[in-house]
Amino acid sequence: QVQLVESGGGLVQPGGSLRLSCAASGFTFSNYRMSWYRQGPGKERELVATISRGDRIKQYADFVKGRFTISRDNAKNMVYLQMNSLKPEDTAVYYCKAQSTTTSTDYWGQGTQVTVSS
């Protein structure tokens, strides 16, 4: 059974930090590109960051460059999103996505809420 389980969300003040985690199981994690997406209130889901299978390539949306860092641990089947200098506009549900590089298979987690507010 495929599972992606996000954790680490919560309420944080502007300028604060959070580290999101995504635990993967039920598929060969190291064969999948991993991404974080987010969906803010009344907004469409948008790509935040992507990391290649072997951790060599990382890509970020312009609105998080310099503030967020994506990483993965293939030995633990985990992907992370370190979020620093958080802003109120970063408030959203954050989702983990696994994308096969050889098929059209995608998997999504259930999301974790991040709220940035004073």
N, C-alpha and C. Protein backbone atom coordinates (compact mmCIF):
# COMPACT_ATOMS: atom_id res chain seq x y z
N GLN A 1 0.84 -1.19 0.00
CA GLN A 1 0.00 0.00 0.00
C GLN A 1 0.88 1.25 0.00
N VAL A 2 0.66 2.10 -1.01
CA VAL A 2 1.45 3.33 -1.12
C VAL A 2 0.97 4.35 -0.10
N GLN A 3 1.92 4.95 0.59
CA GLN A 3 1.60 6.01 1.54
C GLN A 3 2.64 7.11 1.49
N LEU A 4 2.15 8.33 1.53
CA LEU A 4 2.99 9.51 1.76
C LEU A 4 2.34 10.25 2.93
N VAL A 5 3.10 10.40 4.00
CA VAL A 5 2.54 11.00 5.22
C VAL A 5 3.38 12.21 5.60
N GLU A 6 2.75 13.37 5.48
CA GLU A 6 3.43 14.61 5.85
C GLU A 6 3.27 14.90 7.34
N SER A 7 4.25 15.60 7.88
CA SER A 7 4.18 16.04 9.27
C SER A 7 5.05 17.27 9.44
N GLY A 8 4.91 17.94 10.58
CA GLY A 8 5.75 19.08 10.89
C GLY A 8 5.09 20.43 10.73
N GLY A 9 3.87 20.44 10.22
CA GLY A 9 3.17 21.71 10.07
C GLY A 9 2.74 22.27 11.42
N GLY A 10 2.24 23.51 11.38
CA GLY A 10 1.78 24.13 12.61
C GLY A 10 1.66 25.62 12.47
N LEU A 11 1.53 26.29 13.60
CA LEU A 11 1.42 27.74 13.65
C LEU A 11 2.78 28.33 14.01
N VAL A 12 3.22 29.31 13.24
CA VAL A 12 4.51 29.93 13.47
C VAL A 12 4.39 31.42 13.21
N GLN A 13 5.17 32.21 13.91
CA GLN A 13 5.16 33.65 13.71
C GLN A 13 5.95 34.03 12.47
N PRO A 14 5.62 35.16 11.86
CA PRO A 14 6.41 35.63 10.72
C PRO A 14 7.89 35.72 11.09
N GLY A 15 8.72 35.26 10.15
CA GLY A 15 10.16 35.22 10.40
C GLY A 15 10.63 33.92 11.01
N GLY A 16 9.70 33.08 11.42
CA GLY A 16 10.05 31.82 12.05
C GLY A 16 10.38 30.72 11.04
N SER A 17 10.62 29.54 11.60
CA SER A 17 11.01 28.40 10.77
C SER A 17 10.18 27.17 11.12
N LEU A 18 10.03 26.31 10.14
CA LEU A 18 9.44 24.99 10.31
C LEU A 18 10.16 24.01 9.41
N ARG A 19 10.16 22.76 9.83
CA ARG A 19 10.69 21.70 8.98
C ARG A 19 9.60 20.67 8.75
N LEU A 20 9.21 20.54 7.49
CA LEU A 20 8.22 19.55 7.12
C LEU A 20 8.92 18.24 6.75
N SER A 21 8.27 17.14 7.08
CA SER A 21 8.77 15.82 6.72
C SER A 21 7.70 15.06 5.96
N CYS A 22 8.14 14.19 5.09
CA CYS A 22 7.22 13.32 4.35
C CYS A 22 7.80 11.92 4.37
N ALA A 23 7.06 11.00 4.97
CA ALA A 23 7.48 9.61 5.06
C ALA A 23 6.81 8.80 3.96
N ALA A 24 7.61 8.12 3.16
CA ALA A 24 7.10 7.35 2.03
C ALA A 24 7.19 5.86 2.29
N SER A 25 6.21 5.12 1.80
CA SER A 25 6.24 3.67 1.90
C SER A 25 5.39 3.06 0.79
N GLY A 26 5.67 1.80 0.49
CA GLY A 26 4.86 1.08 -0.49
C GLY A 26 5.33 1.20 -1.93
N PHE A 27 6.44 1.89 -2.16
CA PHE A 27 7.00 1.99 -3.50
C PHE A 27 8.50 2.21 -3.38
N THR A 28 9.19 2.09 -4.50
CA THR A 28 10.65 2.25 -4.49
C THR A 28 11.00 3.73 -4.50
N PHE A 29 11.18 4.26 -3.32
CA PHE A 29 11.33 5.69 -3.13
C PHE A 29 12.45 6.29 -3.98
N SER A 30 13.55 5.61 -4.08
CA SER A 30 14.72 6.17 -4.77
C SER A 30 14.50 6.28 -6.28
N ASN A 31 13.43 5.69 -6.81
CA ASN A 31 13.12 5.79 -8.23
C ASN A 31 12.20 6.97 -8.56
N TYR A 32 11.84 7.73 -7.55
CA TYR A 32 10.85 8.79 -7.73
C TYR A 32 11.44 10.17 -7.46
N ARG A 33 11.09 11.09 -8.35
CA ARG A 33 11.33 12.51 -8.09
C ARG A 33 10.34 12.93 -7.02
N MET A 34 10.79 13.73 -6.07
CA MET A 34 9.92 14.17 -4.98
C MET A 34 9.73 15.67 -5.01
N SER A 35 8.54 16.08 -4.69
CA SER A 35 8.21 17.51 -4.71
C SER A 35 7.35 17.89 -3.52
N TRP A 36 7.42 19.16 -3.20
CA TRP A 36 6.48 19.77 -2.26
C TRP A 36 5.63 20.76 -3.04
N TYR A 37 4.33 20.69 -2.80
CA TYR A 37 3.37 21.63 -3.34
C TYR A 37 2.67 22.30 -2.16
N ARG A 38 1.97 23.38 -2.48
CA ARG A 38 1.15 24.00 -1.44
C ARG A 38 -0.12 24.58 -2.06
N GLN A 39 -1.13 24.70 -1.22
CA GLN A 39 -2.39 25.30 -1.65
C GLN A 39 -2.88 26.22 -0.55
N GLY A 40 -2.82 27.52 -0.84
CA GLY A 40 -3.29 28.51 0.11
C GLY A 40 -4.78 28.70 0.04
N PRO A 41 -5.35 29.40 0.99
CA PRO A 41 -6.79 29.63 1.02
C PRO A 41 -7.27 30.32 -0.26
N GLY A 42 -8.20 29.71 -0.94
CA GLY A 42 -8.75 30.29 -2.15
C GLY A 42 -7.82 30.29 -3.34
N LYS A 43 -6.72 29.54 -3.23
CA LYS A 43 -5.74 29.53 -4.33
C LYS A 43 -5.62 28.13 -4.92
N GLU A 44 -5.01 28.08 -6.10
CA GLU A 44 -4.73 26.80 -6.71
C GLU A 44 -3.46 26.20 -6.11
N ARG A 45 -3.35 24.89 -6.22
CA ARG A 45 -2.15 24.22 -5.75
C ARG A 45 -0.97 24.64 -6.62
N GLU A 46 0.17 24.90 -5.98
CA GLU A 46 1.35 25.36 -6.71
C GLU A 46 2.60 24.61 -6.26
N LEU A 47 3.52 24.46 -7.19
CA LEU A 47 4.77 23.77 -6.92
C LEU A 47 5.68 24.67 -6.08
N VAL A 48 6.25 24.09 -5.03
CA VAL A 48 7.17 24.81 -4.16
C VAL A 48 8.61 24.42 -4.46
N ALA A 49 8.89 23.12 -4.48
CA ALA A 49 10.26 22.66 -4.68
C ALA A 49 10.26 21.22 -5.16
N THR A 50 11.29 20.87 -5.91
CA THR A 50 11.45 19.51 -6.44
C THR A 50 12.88 19.05 -6.23
N ILE A 51 13.04 17.77 -5.95
CA ILE A 51 14.38 17.19 -5.81
C ILE A 51 14.45 15.92 -6.64
N SER A 52 15.56 15.76 -7.33
CA SER A 52 15.71 14.59 -8.20
C SER A 52 15.92 13.33 -7.37
N ARG A 53 15.90 12.19 -8.06
CA ARG A 53 16.00 10.91 -7.38
C ARG A 53 17.27 10.80 -6.55
N GLY A 54 18.38 11.25 -7.11
CA GLY A 54 19.66 11.11 -6.44
C GLY A 54 20.12 12.33 -5.69
N ASP A 55 19.22 13.30 -5.50
CA ASP A 55 19.52 14.47 -4.67
C ASP A 55 20.44 15.47 -5.38
N ARG A 56 20.74 15.27 -6.65
CA ARG A 56 21.68 16.16 -7.33
C ARG A 56 21.02 17.45 -7.80
N ILE A 57 19.76 17.36 -8.19
CA ILE A 57 19.09 18.51 -8.77
C ILE A 57 17.95 18.95 -7.86
N LYS A 58 17.97 20.22 -7.52
CA LYS A 58 16.91 20.82 -6.71
C LYS A 58 16.41 22.07 -7.43
N GLN A 59 15.11 22.19 -7.47
CA GLN A 59 14.51 23.36 -8.11
C GLN A 59 13.49 23.98 -7.17
N TYR A 60 13.42 25.31 -7.23
CA TYR A 60 12.54 26.03 -6.30
C TYR A 60 11.69 27.04 -7.06
N ALA A 61 10.50 27.25 -6.55
CA ALA A 61 9.69 28.36 -7.04
C ALA A 61 10.36 29.67 -6.63
N ASP A 62 10.20 30.68 -7.44
CA ASP A 62 10.85 31.97 -7.16
C ASP A 62 10.46 32.51 -5.79
N PHE A 63 9.22 32.25 -5.39
CA PHE A 63 8.74 32.86 -4.15
C PHE A 63 9.32 32.21 -2.89
N VAL A 64 10.09 31.13 -3.02
CA VAL A 64 10.73 30.51 -1.85
C VAL A 64 12.25 30.44 -1.95
N LYS A 65 12.79 30.85 -3.08
CA LYS A 65 14.25 30.77 -3.25
C LYS A 65 14.97 31.55 -2.17
N GLY A 66 15.98 30.90 -1.60
CA GLY A 66 16.75 31.53 -0.53
C GLY A 66 16.15 31.37 0.84
N ARG A 67 14.93 30.87 0.91
CA ARG A 67 14.27 30.70 2.21
C ARG A 67 13.98 29.23 2.53
N PHE A 68 13.63 28.46 1.52
CA PHE A 68 13.27 27.05 1.71
C PHE A 68 14.36 26.15 1.13
N THR A 69 14.53 24.99 1.74
CA THR A 69 15.48 23.99 1.25
C THR A 69 14.83 22.62 1.25
N ILE A 70 14.87 21.97 0.10
CA ILE A 70 14.35 20.60 -0.01
C ILE A 70 15.51 19.62 0.11
N SER A 71 15.26 18.50 0.76
CA SER A 71 16.28 17.46 0.88
C SER A 71 15.58 16.11 0.98
N ARG A 72 16.36 15.06 0.80
CA ARG A 72 15.80 13.72 0.89
C ARG A 72 16.83 12.78 1.48
N ASP A 73 16.33 11.69 2.06
CA ASP A 73 17.17 10.62 2.59
C ASP A 73 16.62 9.31 2.01
N ASN A 74 17.27 8.81 0.99
CA ASN A 74 16.77 7.61 0.33
C ASN A 74 16.87 6.37 1.22
N ALA A 75 17.79 6.39 2.17
CA ALA A 75 17.91 5.25 3.08
C ALA A 75 16.72 5.18 4.04
N LYS A 76 16.13 6.33 4.32
CA LYS A 76 15.00 6.38 5.26
C LYS A 76 13.66 6.59 4.56
N ASN A 77 13.67 6.73 3.24
CA ASN A 77 12.45 7.00 2.48
C ASN A 77 11.76 8.27 2.98
N MET A 78 12.55 9.31 3.13
CA MET A 78 12.03 10.57 3.65
C MET A 78 12.41 11.73 2.74
N VAL A 79 11.53 12.71 2.69
CA VAL A 79 11.83 13.97 2.04
C VAL A 79 11.45 15.08 3.00
N TYR A 80 12.22 16.16 2.96
CA TYR A 80 12.05 17.24 3.92
C TYR A 80 11.93 18.58 3.22
N LEU A 81 11.33 19.52 3.92
CA LEU A 81 11.30 20.90 3.45
C LEU A 81 11.60 21.79 4.65
N GLN A 82 12.79 22.35 4.65
CA GLN A 82 13.16 23.31 5.68
C GLN A 82 12.71 24.69 5.23
N MET A 83 11.87 25.31 6.05
CA MET A 83 11.29 26.60 5.70
C MET A 83 11.75 27.64 6.71
N ASN A 84 12.48 28.62 6.22
CA ASN A 84 12.97 29.71 7.06
C ASN A 84 12.37 31.03 6.61
N SER A 85 12.49 32.03 7.47
CA SER A 85 11.98 33.38 7.15
C SER A 85 10.55 33.33 6.63
N LEU A 86 9.72 32.62 7.34
CA LEU A 86 8.35 32.42 6.88
C LEU A 86 7.56 33.72 6.89
N LYS A 87 6.67 33.81 5.90
CA LYS A 87 5.83 34.99 5.71
C LYS A 87 4.36 34.58 5.82
N PRO A 88 3.49 35.52 6.13
CA PRO A 88 2.06 35.17 6.18
C PRO A 88 1.56 34.56 4.87
N GLU A 89 2.11 34.99 3.76
CA GLU A 89 1.68 34.44 2.47
C GLU A 89 2.13 33.01 2.23
N ASP A 90 2.97 32.49 3.12
CA ASP A 90 3.34 31.07 3.04
C ASP A 90 2.28 30.17 3.68
N THR A 91 1.28 30.77 4.28
CA THR A 91 0.20 29.99 4.88
C THR A 91 -0.50 29.15 3.82
N ALA A 92 -0.54 27.85 4.05
CA ALA A 92 -1.11 26.93 3.07
C ALA A 92 -1.10 25.52 3.64
N VAL A 93 -1.78 24.64 2.95
CA VAL A 93 -1.60 23.21 3.17
C VAL A 93 -0.47 22.76 2.26
N TYR A 94 0.50 22.10 2.84
CA TYR A 94 1.68 21.64 2.09
C TYR A 94 1.56 20.14 1.83
N TYR A 95 1.77 19.78 0.57
CA TYR A 95 1.62 18.40 0.12
C TYR A 95 2.94 17.85 -0.41
N CYS A 96 3.14 16.60 -0.16
CA CYS A 96 4.28 15.86 -0.68
C CYS A 96 3.80 15.07 -1.90
N LYS A 97 4.61 15.06 -2.96
CA LYS A 97 4.26 14.32 -4.17
C LYS A 97 5.43 13.48 -4.63
N ALA A 98 5.14 12.26 -5.02
CA ALA A 98 6.14 11.38 -5.61
C ALA A 98 5.80 11.19 -7.08
N GLN A 99 6.76 11.41 -7.95
CA GLN A 99 6.52 11.31 -9.38
C GLN A 99 7.51 10.34 -9.99
N SER A 100 6.98 9.31 -10.66
CA SER A 100 7.84 8.37 -11.33
C SER A 100 8.54 9.04 -12.51
N THR A 101 9.79 8.70 -12.72
CA THR A 101 10.53 9.25 -13.86
C THR A 101 10.45 8.34 -15.08
N THR A 102 9.76 7.20 -14.95
CA THR A 102 9.66 6.26 -16.06
C THR A 102 8.22 5.97 -16.48
N THR A 103 7.27 6.27 -15.61
CA THR A 103 5.85 6.07 -15.95
C THR A 103 5.10 7.35 -15.61
N SER A 104 3.78 7.31 -15.77
CA SER A 104 2.97 8.49 -15.44
C SER A 104 2.42 8.43 -14.02
N THR A 105 3.01 7.59 -13.20
CA THR A 105 2.49 7.38 -11.85
C THR A 105 2.88 8.52 -10.92
N ASP A 106 1.89 9.07 -10.24
CA ASP A 106 2.10 10.07 -9.21
C ASP A 106 1.40 9.61 -7.93
N TYR A 107 2.01 9.96 -6.80
CA TYR A 107 1.38 9.72 -5.51
C TYR A 107 1.39 11.03 -4.72
N TRP A 108 0.32 11.24 -3.96
CA TRP A 108 0.19 12.44 -3.14
C TRP A 108 -0.05 12.07 -1.69
N GLY A 109 0.47 12.93 -0.81
CA GLY A 109 0.14 12.81 0.60
C GLY A 109 -1.15 13.55 0.91
N GLN A 110 -1.53 13.52 2.18
CA GLN A 110 -2.79 14.11 2.59
C GLN A 110 -2.64 15.59 2.96
N GLY A 111 -1.40 16.04 3.12
CA GLY A 111 -1.14 17.43 3.40
C GLY A 111 -0.95 17.74 4.88
N THR A 112 -0.23 18.82 5.13
CA THR A 112 -0.04 19.32 6.50
C THR A 112 -0.20 20.83 6.48
N GLN A 113 -0.92 21.35 7.44
CA GLN A 113 -1.25 22.78 7.47
C GLN A 113 -0.11 23.58 8.05
N VAL A 114 0.26 24.64 7.35
CA VAL A 114 1.23 25.62 7.85
C VAL A 114 0.53 26.96 7.93
N THR A 115 0.55 27.56 9.11
CA THR A 115 -0.06 28.86 9.30
C THR A 115 0.98 29.82 9.85
N VAL A 116 1.19 30.92 9.12
CA VAL A 116 2.15 31.93 9.54
C VAL A 116 1.38 33.17 9.96
N SER A 117 1.41 33.44 11.25
CA SER A 117 0.60 34.54 11.77
C SER A 117 1.16 34.98 13.11
N SER A 118 0.99 36.27 13.38
CA SER A 118 1.40 36.80 14.68
C SER A 118 0.20 36.81 15.63
